[in-house]
C-alpha cells in the first residue's frame, strides 16, 4: 500500500487493460475520449494528442500512445496493434464512478475480459 502524502488533494486513478475486439486507430481513440469524458462528466480543455511512431521501435510494440488533457487532470491510452491490447489510465482530481468507466470502456472497445485496478 502506498502512503498518501497529500490527503487534502483529491486524486482518483483507474487502470484498465484488455484485448480490444475491434481495430483501433486515431479516429476510434478520439471517439473513445469523447465518449468516456461525457459518461464521467469530465471536461476536456484541449484536443487529444495521438502518436503512432509508424516504423520506429520494435514491430510488436507498434500502435498508439494517446493523451487527452482534462480540466480535472487527464486520460492516457496505449494500444498495441499486433496484439489488439489496450492499457488505459484515467487520472483525475475529481471523483468519478469506476463502474461507469469500466462499463463504457468494455462496451466501446468490445473487450471481453477487462481487468482493472484502482489506486
N, C-alpha and C. Protein backbone atom coordinates (compact mmCIF):
# COMPACT_ATOMS: atom_id res chain seq x y z
N UNK A 1 0.84 -1.18 0.00
CA UNK A 1 0.00 0.00 0.00
C UNK A 1 0.89 1.24 0.00
N UNK A 2 0.47 2.22 -0.76
CA UNK A 2 1.24 3.46 -0.89
C UNK A 2 0.75 4.48 0.15
N UNK A 3 1.66 5.17 0.79
CA UNK A 3 1.31 6.22 1.74
C UNK A 3 0.75 7.41 0.98
N UNK A 4 -0.35 7.95 1.49
CA UNK A 4 -0.96 9.14 0.88
C UNK A 4 -0.25 10.38 1.41
N UNK A 5 0.65 10.93 0.61
CA UNK A 5 1.44 12.08 1.03
C UNK A 5 0.66 13.39 0.99
N UNK A 6 -0.45 13.43 0.27
CA UNK A 6 -1.23 14.66 0.13
C UNK A 6 -2.72 14.35 0.32
N UNK A 7 -3.14 14.04 1.55
CA UNK A 7 -4.53 13.65 1.78
C UNK A 7 -5.55 14.75 1.49
N UNK A 8 -5.12 15.99 1.42
CA UNK A 8 -6.06 17.08 1.14
C UNK A 8 -6.30 17.28 -0.36
N UNK A 9 -5.53 16.58 -1.19
CA UNK A 9 -5.70 16.69 -2.64
C UNK A 9 -6.45 15.46 -3.14
N UNK A 10 -7.60 15.69 -3.78
CA UNK A 10 -8.39 14.59 -4.34
C UNK A 10 -7.68 14.04 -5.56
N UNK A 11 -7.46 12.72 -5.56
CA UNK A 11 -6.86 12.04 -6.70
C UNK A 11 -7.54 10.69 -6.84
N UNK A 12 -8.04 10.42 -8.02
CA UNK A 12 -8.62 9.11 -8.31
C UNK A 12 -7.96 8.59 -9.57
N UNK A 13 -7.54 7.30 -9.51
CA UNK A 13 -6.85 6.69 -10.63
C UNK A 13 -7.48 5.34 -10.93
N UNK A 14 -7.66 5.07 -12.20
CA UNK A 14 -8.20 3.79 -12.64
C UNK A 14 -7.38 3.31 -13.82
N UNK A 15 -6.80 2.12 -13.68
CA UNK A 15 -6.05 1.48 -14.76
C UNK A 15 -6.91 0.34 -15.29
N UNK A 16 -7.14 0.31 -16.61
CA UNK A 16 -7.92 -0.76 -17.25
C UNK A 16 -7.09 -1.35 -18.37
N UNK A 17 -7.13 -2.68 -18.49
CA UNK A 17 -6.41 -3.36 -19.56
C UNK A 17 -7.24 -4.50 -20.13
N UNK A 18 -7.05 -4.74 -21.42
CA UNK A 18 -7.75 -5.85 -22.07
C UNK A 18 -7.44 -5.87 -23.55
N UNK A 19 -8.00 -6.86 -24.21
CA UNK A 19 -7.82 -7.01 -25.65
C UNK A 19 -9.05 -6.49 -26.37
N UNK A 20 -8.85 -5.55 -27.26
CA UNK A 20 -9.96 -4.93 -27.99
C UNK A 20 -10.51 -5.88 -29.04
N UNK A 21 -11.83 -5.94 -29.13
CA UNK A 21 -12.49 -6.75 -30.14
C UNK A 21 -12.63 -6.03 -31.47
N UNK A 22 -12.16 -4.78 -31.53
CA UNK A 22 -12.18 -4.04 -32.80
C UNK A 22 -10.85 -3.34 -33.00
N UNK A 23 -10.54 -3.08 -34.24
CA UNK A 23 -9.30 -2.39 -34.57
C UNK A 23 -9.38 -0.95 -34.09
N UNK A 24 -8.26 -0.46 -33.64
CA UNK A 24 -8.18 0.88 -33.08
C UNK A 24 -7.29 1.74 -33.96
N UNK A 25 -7.74 2.96 -34.23
CA UNK A 25 -6.94 3.95 -34.94
C UNK A 25 -7.17 5.30 -34.27
N UNK A 26 -6.61 6.35 -34.85
CA UNK A 26 -6.72 7.67 -34.21
C UNK A 26 -8.16 8.16 -34.11
N UNK A 27 -9.01 7.78 -35.06
CA UNK A 27 -10.41 8.21 -35.03
C UNK A 27 -11.18 7.49 -33.93
N UNK A 28 -10.89 6.22 -33.74
CA UNK A 28 -11.52 5.44 -32.67
C UNK A 28 -11.08 5.97 -31.31
N UNK A 29 -9.81 6.30 -31.18
CA UNK A 29 -9.30 6.84 -29.91
C UNK A 29 -9.97 8.17 -29.59
N UNK A 30 -10.08 9.04 -30.56
CA UNK A 30 -10.75 10.33 -30.35
C UNK A 30 -12.20 10.12 -29.95
N UNK A 31 -12.89 9.20 -30.60
CA UNK A 31 -14.28 8.91 -30.26
C UNK A 31 -14.39 8.37 -28.84
N UNK A 32 -13.45 7.52 -28.44
CA UNK A 32 -13.46 7.00 -27.06
C UNK A 32 -13.28 8.13 -26.05
N UNK A 33 -12.30 8.99 -26.29
CA UNK A 33 -12.09 10.10 -25.36
C UNK A 33 -13.35 10.95 -25.24
N UNK A 34 -14.03 11.20 -26.35
CA UNK A 34 -15.28 11.97 -26.30
C UNK A 34 -16.35 11.24 -25.50
N UNK A 35 -16.46 9.93 -25.70
CA UNK A 35 -17.49 9.15 -25.02
C UNK A 35 -17.22 8.99 -23.53
N UNK A 36 -15.99 8.67 -23.17
CA UNK A 36 -15.69 8.42 -21.76
C UNK A 36 -15.77 9.71 -20.94
N UNK A 37 -15.33 10.82 -21.51
CA UNK A 37 -15.41 12.08 -20.76
C UNK A 37 -16.86 12.50 -20.58
N UNK A 38 -17.68 12.28 -21.58
CA UNK A 38 -19.11 12.60 -21.45
C UNK A 38 -19.75 11.71 -20.38
N UNK A 39 -19.48 10.42 -20.42
CA UNK A 39 -20.07 9.47 -19.47
C UNK A 39 -19.66 9.77 -18.03
N UNK A 40 -18.44 10.26 -17.83
CA UNK A 40 -17.94 10.52 -16.48
C UNK A 40 -18.07 11.98 -16.07
N UNK A 41 -18.66 12.79 -16.94
CA UNK A 41 -18.83 14.23 -16.68
C UNK A 41 -17.47 14.90 -16.41
N UNK A 42 -16.50 14.58 -17.26
CA UNK A 42 -15.18 15.19 -17.20
C UNK A 42 -15.05 16.14 -18.38
N UNK A 43 -14.28 17.19 -18.22
CA UNK A 43 -14.18 18.21 -19.25
C UNK A 43 -12.80 18.27 -19.88
N UNK A 44 -12.77 18.10 -21.21
CA UNK A 44 -11.51 18.25 -21.95
C UNK A 44 -11.25 19.74 -22.15
N UNK A 45 -10.00 20.14 -22.05
CA UNK A 45 -9.68 21.53 -22.36
C UNK A 45 -8.72 21.65 -23.53
N UNK A 46 -8.49 20.56 -24.19
CA UNK A 46 -7.65 20.55 -25.38
C UNK A 46 -7.98 19.32 -26.20
N UNK A 47 -7.46 19.29 -27.39
CA UNK A 47 -7.68 18.15 -28.29
C UNK A 47 -6.78 16.98 -27.87
N UNK A 48 -7.23 15.77 -28.13
CA UNK A 48 -6.37 14.61 -27.85
C UNK A 48 -5.06 14.70 -28.64
N UNK A 49 -4.02 14.22 -28.00
CA UNK A 49 -2.71 14.12 -28.64
C UNK A 49 -2.50 12.63 -28.90
N UNK A 50 -2.35 12.26 -30.16
CA UNK A 50 -2.25 10.85 -30.52
C UNK A 50 -1.00 10.63 -31.35
N UNK A 51 -0.15 9.73 -30.87
CA UNK A 51 1.09 9.41 -31.57
C UNK A 51 1.02 7.98 -32.09
N UNK A 52 1.57 7.78 -33.26
CA UNK A 52 1.78 6.44 -33.79
C UNK A 52 3.12 6.48 -34.50
N UNK A 53 4.17 5.97 -33.85
CA UNK A 53 5.51 6.13 -34.39
C UNK A 53 5.75 5.51 -35.76
N UNK A 54 4.89 4.60 -36.22
CA UNK A 54 4.98 4.06 -37.57
C UNK A 54 6.36 3.69 -38.03
N UNK A 55 6.84 2.53 -37.66
CA UNK A 55 8.14 2.07 -38.14
C UNK A 55 9.26 2.27 -37.15
N UNK A 56 9.04 3.06 -36.13
CA UNK A 56 10.07 3.26 -35.10
C UNK A 56 9.94 2.15 -34.06
N UNK A 57 11.03 1.72 -33.52
CA UNK A 57 10.99 0.73 -32.45
C UNK A 57 10.66 -0.67 -32.93
N UNK A 58 10.38 -1.53 -31.97
CA UNK A 58 10.07 -2.93 -32.27
C UNK A 58 8.69 -3.06 -32.91
N UNK A 59 8.59 -3.95 -33.88
CA UNK A 59 7.33 -4.15 -34.58
C UNK A 59 6.21 -4.56 -33.61
N UNK A 60 6.51 -5.41 -32.64
CA UNK A 60 5.48 -5.87 -31.72
C UNK A 60 4.96 -4.78 -30.78
N UNK A 61 5.68 -3.66 -30.71
CA UNK A 61 5.25 -2.55 -29.85
C UNK A 61 4.55 -1.44 -30.63
N UNK A 62 4.34 -1.63 -31.91
CA UNK A 62 3.69 -0.59 -32.72
C UNK A 62 2.22 -0.45 -32.36
N UNK A 63 1.77 0.77 -32.45
CA UNK A 63 0.38 1.05 -32.12
C UNK A 63 0.20 2.54 -31.86
N UNK A 64 -0.45 2.87 -30.77
CA UNK A 64 -0.76 4.26 -30.46
C UNK A 64 -0.48 4.58 -29.01
N UNK A 65 -0.01 5.80 -28.80
CA UNK A 65 0.12 6.41 -27.48
C UNK A 65 -0.74 7.66 -27.55
N UNK A 66 -1.66 7.82 -26.61
CA UNK A 66 -2.58 8.95 -26.70
C UNK A 66 -2.85 9.54 -25.32
N UNK A 67 -3.15 10.83 -25.32
CA UNK A 67 -3.46 11.54 -24.08
C UNK A 67 -4.47 12.63 -24.39
N UNK A 68 -5.40 12.82 -23.47
CA UNK A 68 -6.30 13.96 -23.57
C UNK A 68 -6.25 14.72 -22.24
N UNK A 69 -6.00 16.03 -22.29
CA UNK A 69 -5.96 16.82 -21.06
C UNK A 69 -7.38 17.13 -20.59
N UNK A 70 -7.58 17.02 -19.30
CA UNK A 70 -8.86 17.34 -18.69
C UNK A 70 -8.71 18.52 -17.74
N UNK A 71 -9.77 19.26 -17.57
CA UNK A 71 -9.77 20.32 -16.55
C UNK A 71 -9.36 19.67 -15.22
N UNK A 72 -9.80 18.44 -15.04
CA UNK A 72 -9.57 17.72 -13.79
C UNK A 72 -8.46 16.68 -13.90
N UNK A 73 -7.51 16.82 -14.77
CA UNK A 73 -6.30 16.00 -14.96
C UNK A 73 -6.20 15.42 -16.37
N UNK A 74 -6.23 14.06 -16.57
CA UNK A 74 -6.06 13.55 -17.92
C UNK A 74 -6.32 12.05 -18.04
N UNK A 75 -6.40 11.61 -19.30
CA UNK A 75 -6.58 10.20 -19.62
C UNK A 75 -5.50 9.81 -20.62
N UNK A 76 -4.80 8.72 -20.32
CA UNK A 76 -3.79 8.18 -21.23
C UNK A 76 -4.26 6.84 -21.76
N UNK A 77 -3.99 6.59 -23.03
CA UNK A 77 -4.37 5.34 -23.68
C UNK A 77 -3.18 4.83 -24.48
N UNK A 78 -2.93 3.53 -24.33
CA UNK A 78 -1.86 2.88 -25.08
C UNK A 78 -2.47 1.67 -25.78
N UNK A 79 -2.10 1.47 -27.04
CA UNK A 79 -2.68 0.38 -27.83
C UNK A 79 -1.59 -0.29 -28.65
N UNK A 80 -1.49 -1.61 -28.51
CA UNK A 80 -0.55 -2.42 -29.28
C UNK A 80 -1.33 -3.06 -30.43
N UNK A 81 -1.08 -2.61 -31.66
CA UNK A 81 -1.83 -3.07 -32.83
C UNK A 81 -1.72 -4.57 -33.07
N UNK A 82 -0.52 -5.13 -32.97
CA UNK A 82 -0.33 -6.55 -33.29
C UNK A 82 -1.06 -7.46 -32.31
N UNK A 83 -1.27 -7.00 -31.11
CA UNK A 83 -1.93 -7.81 -30.08
C UNK A 83 -3.36 -7.34 -29.80
N UNK A 84 -3.75 -6.23 -30.35
CA UNK A 84 -5.03 -5.55 -30.07
C UNK A 84 -5.21 -5.32 -28.57
N UNK A 85 -4.10 -5.02 -27.90
CA UNK A 85 -4.09 -4.85 -26.44
C UNK A 85 -4.17 -3.38 -26.07
N UNK A 86 -5.04 -3.08 -25.10
CA UNK A 86 -5.25 -1.72 -24.60
C UNK A 86 -4.78 -1.58 -23.16
N UNK A 87 -4.23 -0.45 -22.83
CA UNK A 87 -3.94 -0.09 -21.45
C UNK A 87 -4.35 1.38 -21.30
N UNK A 88 -5.30 1.63 -20.39
CA UNK A 88 -5.87 2.97 -20.25
C UNK A 88 -5.79 3.39 -18.79
N UNK A 89 -5.35 4.62 -18.58
CA UNK A 89 -5.28 5.18 -17.23
C UNK A 89 -6.10 6.46 -17.19
N UNK A 90 -7.08 6.49 -16.30
CA UNK A 90 -7.84 7.70 -16.03
C UNK A 90 -7.33 8.24 -14.70
N UNK A 91 -6.85 9.48 -14.73
CA UNK A 91 -6.30 10.12 -13.53
C UNK A 91 -7.00 11.45 -13.36
N UNK A 92 -7.72 11.59 -12.26
CA UNK A 92 -8.46 12.83 -12.06
C UNK A 92 -8.27 13.40 -10.67
N UNK A 93 -8.55 14.67 -10.54
CA UNK A 93 -8.59 15.37 -9.26
C UNK A 93 -10.05 15.58 -8.86
N UNK A 94 -10.89 14.73 -9.38
CA UNK A 94 -12.33 14.79 -9.15
C UNK A 94 -12.81 13.34 -9.07
N UNK A 95 -13.77 13.09 -8.20
CA UNK A 95 -14.31 11.74 -8.10
C UNK A 95 -15.11 11.39 -9.35
N UNK A 96 -15.03 10.12 -9.77
CA UNK A 96 -15.85 9.61 -10.86
C UNK A 96 -16.27 8.19 -10.52
N UNK A 97 -17.23 7.67 -11.24
CA UNK A 97 -17.76 6.34 -10.99
C UNK A 97 -16.93 5.31 -11.76
N UNK A 98 -16.15 4.51 -11.03
CA UNK A 98 -15.32 3.48 -11.67
C UNK A 98 -16.17 2.51 -12.49
N UNK A 99 -17.34 2.15 -11.97
CA UNK A 99 -18.22 1.21 -12.66
C UNK A 99 -18.64 1.70 -14.03
N UNK A 100 -18.96 2.98 -14.12
CA UNK A 100 -19.34 3.56 -15.42
C UNK A 100 -18.15 3.55 -16.36
N UNK A 101 -16.97 3.92 -15.86
CA UNK A 101 -15.77 3.94 -16.70
C UNK A 101 -15.47 2.55 -17.25
N UNK A 102 -15.59 1.54 -16.41
CA UNK A 102 -15.31 0.16 -16.83
C UNK A 102 -16.35 -0.29 -17.85
N UNK A 103 -17.61 -0.02 -17.57
CA UNK A 103 -18.69 -0.43 -18.48
C UNK A 103 -18.55 0.22 -19.85
N UNK A 104 -18.32 1.53 -19.88
CA UNK A 104 -18.19 2.26 -21.15
C UNK A 104 -16.98 1.74 -21.93
N UNK A 105 -15.86 1.56 -21.27
CA UNK A 105 -14.63 1.10 -21.93
C UNK A 105 -14.81 -0.32 -22.48
N UNK A 106 -15.38 -1.19 -21.67
CA UNK A 106 -15.60 -2.58 -22.09
C UNK A 106 -16.51 -2.63 -23.32
N UNK A 107 -17.58 -1.88 -23.30
CA UNK A 107 -18.53 -1.87 -24.41
C UNK A 107 -17.92 -1.20 -25.65
N UNK A 108 -17.28 -0.04 -25.46
CA UNK A 108 -16.75 0.73 -26.59
C UNK A 108 -15.73 -0.08 -27.38
N UNK A 109 -14.82 -0.74 -26.68
CA UNK A 109 -13.75 -1.49 -27.35
C UNK A 109 -14.07 -2.98 -27.52
N UNK A 110 -15.27 -3.39 -27.11
CA UNK A 110 -15.67 -4.79 -27.22
C UNK A 110 -14.64 -5.69 -26.54
N UNK A 111 -14.31 -5.34 -25.29
CA UNK A 111 -13.35 -6.10 -24.50
C UNK A 111 -14.12 -7.15 -23.70
N UNK A 112 -13.75 -8.41 -23.85
CA UNK A 112 -14.45 -9.48 -23.15
C UNK A 112 -13.94 -9.66 -21.72
N UNK A 113 -12.66 -9.60 -21.51
CA UNK A 113 -12.07 -9.78 -20.18
C UNK A 113 -11.25 -8.54 -19.80
N UNK A 114 -11.96 -7.52 -19.38
CA UNK A 114 -11.29 -6.28 -18.97
C UNK A 114 -10.85 -6.42 -17.52
N UNK A 115 -9.59 -6.18 -17.26
CA UNK A 115 -9.09 -6.17 -15.88
C UNK A 115 -8.83 -4.73 -15.51
N UNK A 116 -8.90 -4.45 -14.20
CA UNK A 116 -8.73 -3.07 -13.76
C UNK A 116 -8.16 -3.04 -12.35
N UNK A 117 -7.63 -1.89 -12.02
CA UNK A 117 -7.10 -1.63 -10.68
C UNK A 117 -7.30 -0.16 -10.36
N UNK A 118 -7.75 0.11 -9.17
CA UNK A 118 -7.85 1.50 -8.71
C UNK A 118 -6.71 1.75 -7.75
N UNK A 119 -6.27 2.98 -7.69
CA UNK A 119 -5.23 3.35 -6.74
C UNK A 119 -5.21 4.84 -6.55
